[in-house]
N, C-alpha and C. Protein backbone atom coordinates (compact mmCIF):
# COMPACT_ATOMS: atom_id res chain seq x y z
N MET A 1 -2.59 20.68 -40.39
CA MET A 1 -2.84 21.20 -41.62
C MET A 1 -1.76 21.93 -42.31
N THR A 2 -1.88 21.67 -43.48
CA THR A 2 -0.58 22.37 -44.19
C THR A 2 -0.88 23.78 -44.76
N PRO A 3 0.12 24.34 -45.36
CA PRO A 3 0.06 25.44 -45.77
C PRO A 3 -0.76 25.75 -47.26
N TYR A 4 -0.43 24.47 -47.78
CA TYR A 4 -1.52 24.22 -49.15
C TYR A 4 -3.16 24.17 -48.72
N GLU A 5 -3.34 23.16 -47.69
CA GLU A 5 -4.62 23.57 -47.32
C GLU A 5 -5.53 24.87 -47.20
N VAL A 6 -4.41 25.43 -46.19
CA VAL A 6 -4.98 26.68 -45.92
C VAL A 6 -5.24 27.81 -46.93
N ARG A 7 -4.26 27.74 -48.24
CA ARG A 7 -4.35 28.38 -49.58
C ARG A 7 -5.35 27.85 -50.15
N THR A 8 -5.92 26.89 -50.27
CA THR A 8 -6.75 26.00 -50.95
C THR A 8 -8.16 25.80 -50.84
N ARG A 9 -8.34 26.38 -49.26
CA ARG A 9 -9.64 26.03 -48.85
C ARG A 9 -10.81 27.09 -49.30
N GLU A 10 -11.93 26.27 -49.94
CA GLU A 10 -12.85 26.98 -50.39
C GLU A 10 -13.83 27.04 -49.41
N PHE A 11 -14.52 28.07 -49.77
CA PHE A 11 -15.69 28.60 -48.51
C PHE A 11 -17.19 28.88 -49.24
N ALA A 12 -18.40 28.25 -48.88
CA ALA A 12 -19.55 28.34 -49.53
C ALA A 12 -19.94 29.89 -49.47
N ALA A 13 -20.32 30.18 -50.86
CA ALA A 13 -20.68 31.71 -50.72
C ALA A 13 -22.08 31.87 -50.31
N ARG A 14 -22.11 32.89 -49.60
CA ARG A 14 -23.52 33.36 -48.53
C ARG A 14 -24.10 34.65 -49.17
N ARG A 15 -25.09 35.09 -48.93
CA ARG A 15 -25.94 36.21 -49.39
C ARG A 15 -25.19 37.51 -48.70
N ARG A 16 -25.03 37.20 -47.52
CA ARG A 16 -24.08 38.45 -46.93
C ARG A 16 -22.88 38.00 -46.36
N GLY A 17 -22.29 37.23 -47.53
CA GLY A 17 -20.67 36.74 -47.29
C GLY A 17 -19.46 37.91 -47.26
N VAL A 18 -18.59 37.29 -46.99
CA VAL A 18 -17.20 38.32 -46.38
C VAL A 18 -16.89 38.57 -48.13
N ASP A 19 -15.59 39.55 -48.23
CA ASP A 19 -15.19 39.86 -49.49
C ASP A 19 -14.33 38.82 -49.49
N PRO A 20 -14.17 37.95 -50.63
CA PRO A 20 -13.37 37.03 -51.11
C PRO A 20 -12.04 37.50 -50.95
N ASP A 21 -11.88 38.70 -51.73
CA ASP A 21 -10.36 38.99 -51.75
C ASP A 21 -9.41 39.21 -50.22
N GLU A 22 -10.13 39.70 -49.21
CA GLU A 22 -9.59 39.54 -48.02
C GLU A 22 -9.51 38.27 -47.37
N VAL A 23 -10.61 37.57 -47.75
CA VAL A 23 -10.20 35.91 -47.18
C VAL A 23 -9.43 35.64 -47.63
N ARG A 24 -8.62 35.41 -49.20
CA ARG A 24 -7.64 34.89 -50.07
C ARG A 24 -6.30 35.66 -49.43
N GLU A 25 -6.25 36.92 -49.02
CA GLU A 25 -5.34 37.53 -48.57
C GLU A 25 -4.93 36.94 -47.05
N PHE A 26 -6.39 36.98 -46.11
CA PHE A 26 -5.86 36.38 -45.18
C PHE A 26 -5.35 35.19 -44.97
N GLN A 27 -5.87 34.05 -45.78
CA GLN A 27 -5.49 32.88 -46.12
C GLN A 27 -3.67 32.39 -46.49
N ALA A 28 -3.52 33.48 -47.24
CA ALA A 28 -2.26 33.69 -47.73
C ALA A 28 -1.24 34.05 -46.63
N ARG A 29 -1.69 34.77 -45.81
CA ARG A 29 -1.07 35.23 -44.78
C ARG A 29 -0.74 34.16 -43.72
N VAL A 30 -1.81 33.37 -43.24
CA VAL A 30 -1.75 32.23 -42.48
C VAL A 30 -0.95 31.29 -43.04
N ALA A 31 -1.14 30.96 -44.19
CA ALA A 31 -0.31 30.09 -44.90
C ALA A 31 1.40 29.94 -44.64
N ASP A 32 1.27 31.58 -45.10
CA ASP A 32 3.14 32.03 -44.97
C ASP A 32 3.29 31.53 -43.43
N GLU A 33 2.54 32.09 -42.38
CA GLU A 33 2.95 32.07 -41.24
C GLU A 33 3.40 30.60 -40.75
N LEU A 34 2.23 29.33 -41.34
CA LEU A 34 2.15 28.24 -41.03
C LEU A 34 3.63 27.35 -41.57
N SER A 35 3.75 28.05 -42.83
CA SER A 35 4.76 27.62 -43.38
C SER A 35 6.15 27.84 -42.56
N THR A 36 6.76 29.12 -42.28
CA THR A 36 7.57 29.59 -41.44
C THR A 36 7.62 28.52 -40.17
N LEU A 37 6.44 28.31 -39.28
CA LEU A 37 6.49 27.86 -38.11
C LEU A 37 6.60 26.46 -38.50
N ASN A 38 6.25 25.59 -39.40
CA ASN A 38 6.62 24.72 -39.55
C ASN A 38 8.18 24.27 -39.92
N GLU A 39 8.92 25.21 -40.70
CA GLU A 39 10.26 24.87 -41.16
C GLU A 39 11.29 25.36 -39.52
N THR A 40 10.28 26.20 -38.80
CA THR A 40 11.64 26.27 -37.07
C THR A 40 11.35 25.26 -36.45
N VAL A 41 10.12 24.68 -36.40
CA VAL A 41 10.09 23.38 -35.76
C VAL A 41 10.76 22.23 -36.42
N ARG A 42 10.78 22.22 -37.62
CA ARG A 42 11.98 21.18 -38.01
C ARG A 42 13.56 21.64 -37.82
N LEU A 43 13.85 23.00 -37.88
CA LEU A 43 14.89 23.07 -37.73
C LEU A 43 15.32 22.80 -35.93
N LEU A 44 14.48 23.05 -35.03
CA LEU A 44 14.67 23.28 -33.92
C LEU A 44 14.98 21.54 -33.50
N SER A 45 14.10 20.73 -34.35
CA SER A 45 13.90 19.16 -33.93
C SER A 45 15.61 18.70 -34.31
N ARG A 46 15.99 18.99 -35.48
CA ARG A 46 16.97 18.82 -35.73
C ARG A 46 17.94 19.08 -34.79
N GLU A 47 18.40 20.40 -34.73
CA GLU A 47 19.25 20.96 -33.48
C GLU A 47 18.75 19.94 -32.19
N ASN A 48 17.88 19.82 -31.73
CA ASN A 48 17.75 19.27 -30.62
C ASN A 48 18.50 17.85 -30.58
N ASP A 49 18.16 16.97 -31.56
CA ASP A 49 18.63 15.96 -32.18
C ASP A 49 20.21 15.83 -32.02
N ARG A 50 20.95 16.71 -32.70
CA ARG A 50 22.15 17.24 -32.30
C ARG A 50 22.55 17.36 -31.09
N LEU A 51 21.71 17.86 -30.64
CA LEU A 51 22.47 18.22 -28.91
C LEU A 51 22.41 17.12 -27.85
N GLY A 52 21.21 16.33 -28.50
CA GLY A 52 20.93 15.04 -27.40
C GLY A 52 22.20 13.99 -28.06
N ARG A 53 22.41 14.01 -29.05
CA ARG A 53 23.83 13.09 -29.43
C ARG A 53 25.06 13.72 -28.87
N ALA A 54 25.30 15.18 -28.86
CA ALA A 54 26.69 15.66 -28.28
C ALA A 54 26.44 15.38 -26.62
N LEU A 55 25.26 15.27 -26.06
CA LEU A 55 25.16 15.19 -24.75
C LEU A 55 25.46 13.68 -24.30
N ARG A 56 24.76 12.78 -24.80
CA ARG A 56 25.15 11.41 -25.01
C ARG A 56 26.71 10.69 -24.92
N ASP A 57 27.16 11.67 -25.73
CA ASP A 57 28.76 11.50 -26.27
C ASP A 57 29.89 12.04 -24.98
N TRP A 58 29.17 13.45 -24.50
CA TRP A 58 29.96 14.05 -23.49
C TRP A 58 29.47 12.78 -22.15
N GLN A 59 28.64 12.52 -22.03
CA GLN A 59 28.22 11.46 -20.61
C GLN A 59 29.02 10.53 -21.09
N ARG A 60 29.46 9.84 -22.28
CA ARG A 60 30.24 8.35 -22.10
C ARG A 60 31.65 9.09 -22.24
N MET A 61 31.81 10.26 -22.65
CA MET A 61 33.38 10.48 -22.31
C MET A 61 33.76 10.49 -20.75
N HIS A 62 32.94 11.37 -20.04
CA HIS A 62 32.96 11.82 -18.97
C HIS A 62 32.71 10.49 -18.20
N ALA A 63 31.90 9.60 -18.29
CA ALA A 63 31.68 8.40 -17.45
C ALA A 63 33.08 7.72 -17.68
N ARG A 64 33.84 7.12 -18.41
CA ARG A 64 34.93 6.56 -18.80
C ARG A 64 35.94 7.39 -17.84
N GLU A 65 36.29 8.48 -17.55
CA GLU A 65 36.92 9.40 -16.67
C GLU A 65 37.06 9.06 -15.62
N CYS A 66 35.95 9.44 -15.29
CA CYS A 66 35.13 9.15 -13.78
C CYS A 66 35.01 7.94 -13.03
N ARG A 67 35.35 6.64 -13.62
CA ARG A 67 35.06 5.47 -13.06
C ARG A 67 36.47 5.23 -12.05
N PRO A 68 36.32 4.72 -11.20
CA PRO A 68 36.81 4.66 -9.94
C PRO A 68 38.01 3.17 -10.09
N PRO A 69 39.43 3.66 -9.81
CA PRO A 69 40.23 2.52 -9.80
C PRO A 69 39.85 1.41 -9.21
N GLY A 70 39.79 0.39 -9.66
CA GLY A 70 39.85 -0.87 -9.09
C GLY A 70 38.43 -1.51 -9.13
N PRO A 71 37.90 -2.74 -8.85
CA PRO A 71 36.58 -3.30 -8.50
C PRO A 71 36.16 -2.70 -7.23
N TRP A 72 35.02 -2.26 -7.42
CA TRP A 72 34.00 -2.30 -6.03
C TRP A 72 33.23 -3.23 -5.42
């Protein structure tokens, strides 16, 4: 679900329904939080990819340095 879907979701009116302004305010808060969380996930995913590449580079470098001399 996207923040846009939360913000624009419509609900059927009922005789004893809820206050539409409260619903819209709640939707806006949920959409804002969802947007923030999506951005956090995106940033953490990029950082995870960066760290994975750095670890692989370090492992390659370390593996070359730790090779035993001569054939086994």
